[in-house]
Amino acid sequence: MSDNWITIIPTEPTFVPDEAGAQSGLALLEGFAPNSENVRVIDSDRIVFIDAGANFESMRCPACRAELDIEWWDSQMEIAAAK
């Protein structure tokens, strides 16, 4: 059986909620999905790429909605990961 994940990502890439905000969001999500087994808050000191796995279809510019070239995206992820 496969797993299903819901990942909530802020529109501002550098936004990190304070502890109270994170706990409030966690409680809200747990209320929406009371039968979930593993609801948690994960934060990082840097921007993290979230892989959609089998659900990946395309990459689009959030401003103009133009489709991005996958090879270009892969190279940008490699550059960012090396920093």
PDB file of N, CA and C in Angstrom:
ATOM      1  N   MET A   1       0.844  -1.172   0.000  1.00  0.00           N
ATOM      2  CA  MET A   1       0.000   0.000   0.000  1.00  0.00           C
ATOM      3  C   MET A   1       0.893   1.241   0.000  1.00  0.00           C
ATOM      4  N   SER A   2       0.519   2.218  -0.774  1.00  0.00           N
ATOM      5  CA  SER A   2       1.326   3.429  -0.860  1.00  0.00           C
ATOM      6  C   SER A   2       0.955   4.430   0.233  1.00  0.00           C
ATOM      7  N   ASP A   3       1.852   5.344   0.485  1.00  0.00           N
ATOM      8  CA  ASP A   3       1.614   6.420   1.450  1.00  0.00           C
ATOM      9  C   ASP A   3       1.113   7.645   0.709  1.00  0.00           C
ATOM     10  N   ASN A   4       0.324   8.435   1.374  1.00  0.00           N
ATOM     11  CA  ASN A   4      -0.107   9.732   0.857  1.00  0.00           C
ATOM     12  C   ASN A   4       0.417  10.808   1.791  1.00  0.00           C
ATOM     13  N   TRP A   5       0.984  11.859   1.211  1.00  0.00           N
ATOM     14  CA  TRP A   5       1.574  12.944   1.988  1.00  0.00           C
ATOM     15  C   TRP A   5       0.929  14.257   1.606  1.00  0.00           C
ATOM     16  N   ILE A   6       0.702  15.087   2.573  1.00  0.00           N
ATOM     17  CA  ILE A   6       0.285  16.460   2.335  1.00  0.00           C
ATOM     18  C   ILE A   6       1.408  17.332   2.881  1.00  0.00           C
ATOM     19  N   THR A   7       1.971  18.141   2.022  1.00  0.00           N
ATOM     20  CA  THR A   7       3.058  19.031   2.414  1.00  0.00           C
ATOM     21  C   THR A   7       2.571  20.459   2.258  1.00  0.00           C
ATOM     22  N   ILE A   8       2.641  21.210   3.336  1.00  0.00           N
ATOM     23  CA  ILE A   8       2.228  22.613   3.296  1.00  0.00           C
ATOM     24  C   ILE A   8       3.482  23.462   3.204  1.00  0.00           C
ATOM     25  N   ILE A   9       3.559  24.251   2.142  1.00  0.00           N
ATOM     26  CA  ILE A   9       4.748  25.059   1.876  1.00  0.00           C
ATOM     27  C   ILE A   9       4.322  26.518   1.786  1.00  0.00           C
ATOM     28  N   PRO A  10       4.952  27.402   2.564  1.00  0.00           N
ATOM     29  CA  PRO A  10       4.582  28.821   2.486  1.00  0.00           C
ATOM     30  C   PRO A  10       4.929  29.428   1.132  1.00  0.00           C
ATOM     31  N   THR A  11       4.188  30.446   0.730  1.00  0.00           N
ATOM     32  CA  THR A  11       4.474  31.111  -0.543  1.00  0.00           C
ATOM     33  C   THR A  11       5.768  31.915  -0.474  1.00  0.00           C
ATOM     34  N   GLU A  12       6.171  32.331   0.704  1.00  0.00           N
ATOM     35  CA  GLU A  12       7.444  33.046   0.904  1.00  0.00           C
ATOM     36  C   GLU A  12       8.490  32.004   1.297  1.00  0.00           C
ATOM     37  N   PRO A  13       9.493  31.727   0.443  1.00  0.00           N
ATOM     38  CA  PRO A  13      10.441  30.638   0.694  1.00  0.00           C
ATOM     39  C   PRO A  13      11.226  30.739   2.000  1.00  0.00           C
ATOM     40  N   THR A  14      11.429  31.925   2.517  1.00  0.00           N
ATOM     41  CA  THR A  14      12.223  32.064   3.735  1.00  0.00           C
ATOM     42  C   THR A  14      11.376  32.144   4.999  1.00  0.00           C
ATOM     43  N   PHE A  15      10.033  32.069   4.859  1.00  0.00           N
ATOM     44  CA  PHE A  15       9.163  32.164   6.023  1.00  0.00           C
ATOM     45  C   PHE A  15       9.273  30.916   6.890  1.00  0.00           C
ATOM     46  N   VAL A  16       9.465  31.118   8.180  1.00  0.00           N
ATOM     47  CA  VAL A  16       9.430  30.038   9.163  1.00  0.00           C
ATOM     48  C   VAL A  16       8.563  30.536  10.313  1.00  0.00           C
ATOM     49  N   PRO A  17       7.462  29.837  10.624  1.00  0.00           N
ATOM     50  CA  PRO A  17       6.607  30.299  11.718  1.00  0.00           C
ATOM     51  C   PRO A  17       7.320  30.152  13.055  1.00  0.00           C
ATOM     52  N   ASP A  18       6.918  30.990  14.019  1.00  0.00           N
ATOM     53  CA  ASP A  18       7.460  30.801  15.360  1.00  0.00           C
ATOM     54  C   ASP A  18       6.854  29.521  15.946  1.00  0.00           C
ATOM     55  N   GLU A  19       7.313  29.115  17.096  1.00  0.00           N
ATOM     56  CA  GLU A  19       6.872  27.849  17.694  1.00  0.00           C
ATOM     57  C   GLU A  19       5.363  27.815  17.896  1.00  0.00           C
ATOM     58  N   ALA A  20       4.790  28.909  18.376  1.00  0.00           N
ATOM     59  CA  ALA A  20       3.333  28.957  18.594  1.00  0.00           C
ATOM     60  C   ALA A  20       2.576  28.815  17.277  1.00  0.00           C
ATOM     61  N   GLY A  21       3.061  29.480  16.225  1.00  0.00           N
ATOM     62  CA  GLY A  21       2.419  29.376  14.917  1.00  0.00           C
ATOM     63  C   GLY A  21       2.519  27.974  14.354  1.00  0.00           C
ATOM     64  N   ALA A  22       3.684  27.347  14.522  1.00  0.00           N
ATOM     65  CA  ALA A  22       3.883  25.982  14.026  1.00  0.00           C
ATOM     66  C   ALA A  22       2.947  25.013  14.753  1.00  0.00           C
ATOM     67  N   GLN A  23       2.836  25.160  16.065  1.00  0.00           N
ATOM     68  CA  GLN A  23       1.964  24.275  16.832  1.00  0.00           C
ATOM     69  C   GLN A  23       0.490  24.506  16.500  1.00  0.00           C
ATOM     70  N   SER A  24       0.122  25.755  16.253  1.00  0.00           N
ATOM     71  CA  SER A  24      -1.245  26.079  15.863  1.00  0.00           C
ATOM     72  C   SER A  24      -1.586  25.441  14.515  1.00  0.00           C
ATOM     73  N   GLY A  25      -0.673  25.549  13.557  1.00  0.00           N
ATOM     74  CA  GLY A  25      -0.875  24.929  12.246  1.00  0.00           C
ATOM     75  C   GLY A  25      -0.943  23.420  12.346  1.00  0.00           C
ATOM     76  N   LEU A  26      -0.097  22.851  13.183  1.00  0.00           N
ATOM     77  CA  LEU A  26      -0.096  21.400  13.387  1.00  0.00           C
ATOM     78  C   LEU A  26      -1.444  20.944  13.948  1.00  0.00           C
ATOM     79  N   ALA A  27      -1.947  21.652  14.949  1.00  0.00           N
ATOM     80  CA  ALA A  27      -3.236  21.303  15.546  1.00  0.00           C
ATOM     81  C   ALA A  27      -4.363  21.420  14.518  1.00  0.00           C
ATOM     82  N   LEU A  28      -4.308  22.447  13.694  1.00  0.00           N
ATOM     83  CA  LEU A  28      -5.327  22.632  12.660  1.00  0.00           C
ATOM     84  C   LEU A  28      -5.306  21.469  11.673  1.00  0.00           C
ATOM     85  N   LEU A  29      -4.121  21.088  11.214  1.00  0.00           N
ATOM     86  CA  LEU A  29      -4.003  19.980  10.270  1.00  0.00           C
ATOM     87  C   LEU A  29      -4.449  18.671  10.904  1.00  0.00           C
ATOM     88  N   GLU A  30      -4.100  18.450  12.154  1.00  0.00           N
ATOM     89  CA  GLU A  30      -4.543  17.228  12.840  1.00  0.00           C
ATOM     90  C   GLU A  30      -6.063  17.183  12.942  1.00  0.00           C
ATOM     91  N   GLY A  31      -6.696  18.358  13.097  1.00  0.00           N
ATOM     92  CA  GLY A  31      -8.155  18.420  13.127  1.00  0.00           C
ATOM     93  C   GLY A  31      -8.768  18.080  11.784  1.00  0.00           C
ATOM     94  N   PHE A  32      -8.111  18.474  10.689  1.00  0.00           N
ATOM     95  CA  PHE A  32      -8.598  18.158   9.347  1.00  0.00           C
ATOM     96  C   PHE A  32      -8.425  16.680   9.014  1.00  0.00           C
ATOM     97  N   ALA A  33      -7.407  16.058   9.574  1.00  0.00           N
ATOM     98  CA  ALA A  33      -7.081  14.662   9.246  1.00  0.00           C
ATOM     99  C   ALA A  33      -6.881  13.864  10.543  1.00  0.00           C
ATOM    100  N   PRO A  34      -7.962  13.657  11.302  1.00  0.00           N
ATOM    101  CA  PRO A  34      -7.821  13.039  12.621  1.00  0.00           C
ATOM    102  C   PRO A  34      -7.302  11.596  12.610  1.00  0.00           C
ATOM    103  N   ASN A  35      -7.402  10.904  11.504  1.00  0.00           N
ATOM    104  CA  ASN A  35      -6.930   9.513  11.440  1.00  0.00           C
ATOM    105  C   ASN A  35      -5.507   9.390  10.911  1.00  0.00           C
ATOM    106  N   SER A  36      -4.833  10.505  10.709  1.00  0.00           N
ATOM    107  CA  SER A  36      -3.459  10.466  10.202  1.00  0.00           C
ATOM    108  C   SER A  36      -2.521   9.906  11.258  1.00  0.00           C
ATOM    109  N   GLU A  37      -1.507   9.219  10.794  1.00  0.00           N
ATOM    110  CA  GLU A  37      -0.572   8.560  11.704  1.00  0.00           C
ATOM    111  C   GLU A  37       0.672   9.374  12.013  1.00  0.00           C
ATOM    112  N   ASN A  38       1.065  10.279  11.133  1.00  0.00           N
ATOM    113  CA  ASN A  38       2.363  10.930  11.304  1.00  0.00           C
ATOM    114  C   ASN A  38       2.278  12.391  10.878  1.00  0.00           C
ATOM    115  N   VAL A  39       1.612  13.208  11.687  1.00  0.00           N
ATOM    116  CA  VAL A  39       1.506  14.636  11.388  1.00  0.00           C
ATOM    117  C   VAL A  39       2.616  15.328  12.171  1.00  0.00           C
ATOM    118  N   ARG A  40       3.430  16.107  11.464  1.00  0.00           N
ATOM    119  CA  ARG A  40       4.561  16.756  12.153  1.00  0.00           C
ATOM    120  C   ARG A  40       4.981  18.024  11.429  1.00  0.00           C
ATOM    121  N   VAL A  41       5.716  18.848  12.148  1.00  0.00           N
ATOM    122  CA  VAL A  41       6.302  20.067  11.595  1.00  0.00           C
ATOM    123  C   VAL A  41       7.784  19.792  11.377  1.00  0.00           C
ATOM    124  N   ILE A  42       8.261  20.105  10.180  1.00  0.00           N
ATOM    125  CA  ILE A  42       9.682  19.959   9.878  1.00  0.00           C
ATOM    126  C   ILE A  42      10.168  21.302   9.369  1.00  0.00           C
ATOM    127  N   ASP A  43      11.245  21.806   9.941  1.00  0.00           N
ATOM    128  CA  ASP A  43      11.825  23.040   9.419  1.00  0.00           C
ATOM    129  C   ASP A  43      13.307  22.810   9.141  1.00  0.00           C
ATOM    130  N   SER A  44      13.893  23.739   8.417  1.00  0.00           N
ATOM    131  CA  SER A  44      15.286  23.606   8.015  1.00  0.00           C
ATOM    132  C   SER A  44      15.941  24.985   8.027  1.00  0.00           C
ATOM    133  N   ASP A  45      17.247  24.998   8.155  1.00  0.00           N
ATOM    134  CA  ASP A  45      17.998  26.258   8.128  1.00  0.00           C
ATOM    135  C   ASP A  45      18.173  26.790   6.715  1.00  0.00           C
ATOM    136  N   ARG A  46      17.788  25.991   5.717  1.00  0.00           N
ATOM    137  CA  ARG A  46      17.930  26.420   4.332  1.00  0.00           C
ATOM    138  C   ARG A  46      16.713  25.979   3.528  1.00  0.00           C
ATOM    139  N   ILE A  47      16.587  26.482   2.328  1.00  0.00           N
ATOM    140  CA  ILE A  47      15.488  26.086   1.455  1.00  0.00           C
ATOM    141  C   ILE A  47      15.667  24.624   1.071  1.00  0.00           C
ATOM    142  N   VAL A  48      14.578  23.876   1.123  1.00  0.00           N
ATOM    143  CA  VAL A  48      14.602  22.441   0.833  1.00  0.00           C
ATOM    144  C   VAL A  48      13.711  22.162  -0.376  1.00  0.00           C
ATOM    145  N   PHE A  49      14.177  21.336  -1.286  1.00  0.00           N
ATOM    146  CA  PHE A  49      13.379  20.918  -2.426  1.00  0.00           C
ATOM    147  C   PHE A  49      12.512  19.738  -1.994  1.00  0.00           C
ATOM    148  N   ILE A  50      11.215  19.820  -2.262  1.00  0.00           N
ATOM    149  CA  ILE A  50      10.281  18.750  -1.926  1.00  0.00           C
ATOM    150  C   ILE A  50       9.939  18.011  -3.210  1.00  0.00           C
ATOM    151  N   ASP A  51      10.235  16.727  -3.240  1.00  0.00           N
ATOM    152  CA  ASP A  51      10.010  15.902  -4.427  1.00  0.00           C
ATOM    153  C   ASP A  51       8.584  15.369  -4.421  1.00  0.00           C
ATOM    154  N   ALA A  52       7.860  15.557  -5.510  1.00  0.00           N
ATOM    155  CA  ALA A  52       6.492  15.057  -5.625  1.00  0.00           C
ATOM    156  C   ALA A  52       6.451  13.570  -5.968  1.00  0.00           C
ATOM    157  N   GLY A  53       7.599  12.969  -6.208  1.00  0.00           N
ATOM    158  CA  GLY A  53       7.655  11.543  -6.513  1.00  0.00           C
ATOM    159  C   GLY A  53       6.878  11.183  -7.765  1.00  0.00           C
ATOM    160  N   ALA A  54       6.041  10.153  -7.677  1.00  0.00           N
ATOM    161  CA  ALA A  54       5.286   9.659  -8.831  1.00  0.00           C
ATOM    162  C   ALA A  54       4.257  10.667  -9.326  1.00  0.00           C
ATOM    163  N   ASN A  55       3.923  11.657  -8.512  1.00  0.00           N
ATOM    164  CA  ASN A  55       2.922  12.652  -8.906  1.00  0.00           C
ATOM    165  C   ASN A  55       3.507  13.813  -9.698  1.00  0.00           C
ATOM    166  N   PHE A  56       4.806  13.793  -9.942  1.00  0.00           N
ATOM    167  CA  PHE A  56       5.449  14.879 -10.670  1.00  0.00           C
ATOM    168  C   PHE A  56       4.979  14.905 -12.117  1.00  0.00           C
ATOM    169  N   GLU A  57       4.526  16.067 -12.563  1.00  0.00           N
ATOM    170  CA  GLU A  57       4.080  16.205 -13.957  1.00  0.00           C
ATOM    171  C   GLU A  57       4.862  17.274 -14.701  1.00  0.00           C
ATOM    172  N   SER A  58       5.068  18.425 -14.069  1.00  0.00           N
ATOM    173  CA  SER A  58       5.788  19.507 -14.736  1.00  0.00           C
ATOM    174  C   SER A  58       6.202  20.548 -13.705  1.00  0.00           C
ATOM    175  N   MET A  59       7.077  21.441 -14.147  1.00  0.00           N
ATOM    176  CA  MET A  59       7.496  22.583 -13.332  1.00  0.00           C
ATOM    177  C   MET A  59       7.013  23.830 -14.048  1.00  0.00           C
ATOM    178  N   ARG A  60       6.411  24.756 -13.310  1.00  0.00           N
ATOM    179  CA  ARG A  60       5.906  25.990 -13.918  1.00  0.00           C
ATOM    180  C   ARG A  60       6.354  27.188 -13.107  1.00  0.00           C
ATOM    181  N   CYS A  61       6.576  28.283 -13.797  1.00  0.00           N
ATOM    182  CA  CYS A  61       6.899  29.548 -13.153  1.00  0.00           C
ATOM    183  C   CYS A  61       5.672  30.007 -12.369  1.00  0.00           C
ATOM    184  N   PRO A  62       5.822  30.322 -11.087  1.00  0.00           N
ATOM    185  CA  PRO A  62       4.657  30.755 -10.319  1.00  0.00           C
ATOM    186  C   PRO A  62       4.126  32.120 -10.760  1.00  0.00           C
ATOM    187  N   ALA A  63       4.943  32.913 -11.429  1.00  0.00           N
ATOM    188  CA  ALA A  63       4.506  34.245 -11.860  1.00  0.00           C
ATOM    189  C   ALA A  63       3.752  34.204 -13.188  1.00  0.00           C
ATOM    190  N   CYS A  64       4.336  33.546 -14.197  1.00  0.00           N
ATOM    191  CA  CYS A  64       3.727  33.584 -15.534  1.00  0.00           C
ATOM    192  C   CYS A  64       3.128  32.248 -15.971  1.00  0.00           C
ATOM    193  N   ARG A  65       3.355  31.186 -15.186  1.00  0.00           N
ATOM    194  CA  ARG A  65       2.831  29.844 -15.460  1.00  0.00           C
ATOM    195  C   ARG A  65       3.487  29.152 -16.662  1.00  0.00           C
ATOM    196  N   ALA A  66       4.593  29.708 -17.167  1.00  0.00           N
ATOM    197  CA  ALA A  66       5.310  29.065 -18.275  1.00  0.00           C
ATOM    198  C   ALA A  66       5.937  27.765 -17.767  1.00  0.00           C
ATOM    199  N   GLU A  67       5.908  26.731 -18.599  1.00  0.00           N
ATOM    200  CA  GLU A  67       6.511  25.459 -18.222  1.00  0.00           C
ATOM    201  C   GLU A  67       8.031  25.568 -18.281  1.00  0.00           C
ATOM    202  N   LEU A  68       8.693  25.054 -17.245  1.00  0.00           N
ATOM    203  CA  LEU A  68      10.153  25.109 -17.170  1.00  0.00           C
ATOM    204  C   LEU A  68      10.745  23.822 -17.734  1.00  0.00           C
ATOM    205  N   ASP A  69      11.894  23.948 -18.372  1.00  0.00           N
ATOM    206  CA  ASP A  69      12.611  22.810 -18.909  1.00  0.00           C
ATOM    207  C   ASP A  69      13.141  21.953 -17.758  1.00  0.00           C
ATOM    208  N   ILE A  70      12.870  20.670 -17.786  1.00  0.00           N
ATOM    209  CA  ILE A  70      13.259  19.774 -16.693  1.00  0.00           C
ATOM    210  C   ILE A  70      14.774  19.699 -16.540  1.00  0.00           C
ATOM    211  N   GLU A  71      15.518  19.665 -17.649  1.00  0.00           N
ATOM    212  CA  GLU A  71      16.990  19.632 -17.550  1.00  0.00           C
ATOM    213  C   GLU A  71      17.508  20.888 -16.884  1.00  0.00           C
ATOM    214  N   TRP A  72      16.941  22.048 -17.225  1.00  0.00           N
ATOM    215  CA  TRP A  72      17.335  23.302 -16.580  1.00  0.00           C
ATOM    216  C   TRP A  72      17.035  23.226 -15.084  1.00  0.00           C
ATOM    217  N   TRP A  73      15.858  22.729 -14.719  1.00  0.00           N
ATOM    218  CA  TRP A  73      15.466  22.617 -13.308  1.00  0.00           C
ATOM    219  C   TRP A  73      16.432  21.693 -12.556  1.00  0.00           C
ATOM    220  N   ASP A  74      16.769  20.554 -13.146  1.00  0.00           N
ATOM    221  CA  ASP A  74      17.712  19.631 -12.514  1.00  0.00           C
ATOM    222  C   ASP A  74      19.049  20.310 -12.243  1.00  0.00           C
ATOM    223  N   SER A  75      19.555  21.069 -13.209  1.00  0.00           N
ATOM    224  CA  SER A  75      20.845  21.752 -13.020  1.00  0.00           C
ATOM    225  C   SER A  75      20.749  22.815 -11.931  1.00  0.00           C
ATOM    226  N   GLN A  76      19.614  23.506 -11.840  1.00  0.00           N
ATOM    227  CA  GLN A  76      19.440  24.519 -10.792  1.00  0.00           C
ATOM    228  C   GLN A  76      19.379  23.874  -9.407  1.00  0.00           C
ATOM    229  N   MET A  77      18.769  22.724  -9.305  1.00  0.00           N
ATOM    230  CA  MET A  77      18.723  22.014  -8.024  1.00  0.00           C
ATOM    231  C   MET A  77      20.115  21.549  -7.611  1.00  0.00           C
ATOM    232  N   GLU A  78      20.898  21.070  -8.573  1.00  0.00           N
ATOM    233  CA  GLU A  78      22.269  20.655  -8.270  1.00  0.00           C
ATOM    234  C   GLU A  78      23.105  21.821  -7.784  1.00  0.00           C
ATOM    235  N   ILE A  79      22.959  22.974  -8.428  1.00  0.00           N
ATOM    236  CA  ILE A  79      23.697  24.178  -8.026  1.00  0.00           C
ATOM    237  C   ILE A  79      23.292  24.601  -6.615  1.00  0.00           C
ATOM    238  N   ALA A  80      21.990  24.614  -6.343  1.00  0.00           N
ATOM    239  CA  ALA A  80      21.502  25.022  -5.020  1.00  0.00           C
ATOM    240  C   ALA A  80      21.937  24.046  -3.935  1.00  0.00           C
ATOM    241  N   ALA A  81      21.926  22.747  -4.245  1.00  0.00           N
ATOM    242  CA  ALA A  81      22.314  21.740  -3.254  1.00  0.00           C
ATOM    243  C   ALA A  81      23.793  21.829  -2.919  1.00  0.00           C
ATOM    244  N   ALA A  82      24.604  22.319  -3.851  1.00  0.00           N
ATOM    245  CA  ALA A  82      26.053  22.413  -3.627  1.00  0.00           C
ATOM    246  C   ALA A  82      26.413  23.581  -2.700  1.00  0.00           C
ATOM    247  N   LYS A  83      25.500  24.508  -2.490  1.00  0.00           N
ATOM    248  CA  LYS A  83      25.796  25.678  -1.643  1.00  0.00           C
ATOM    249  C   LYS A  83      25.793  25.352  -0.189  1.00  0.00           C
TER     250      LYS A  83
END
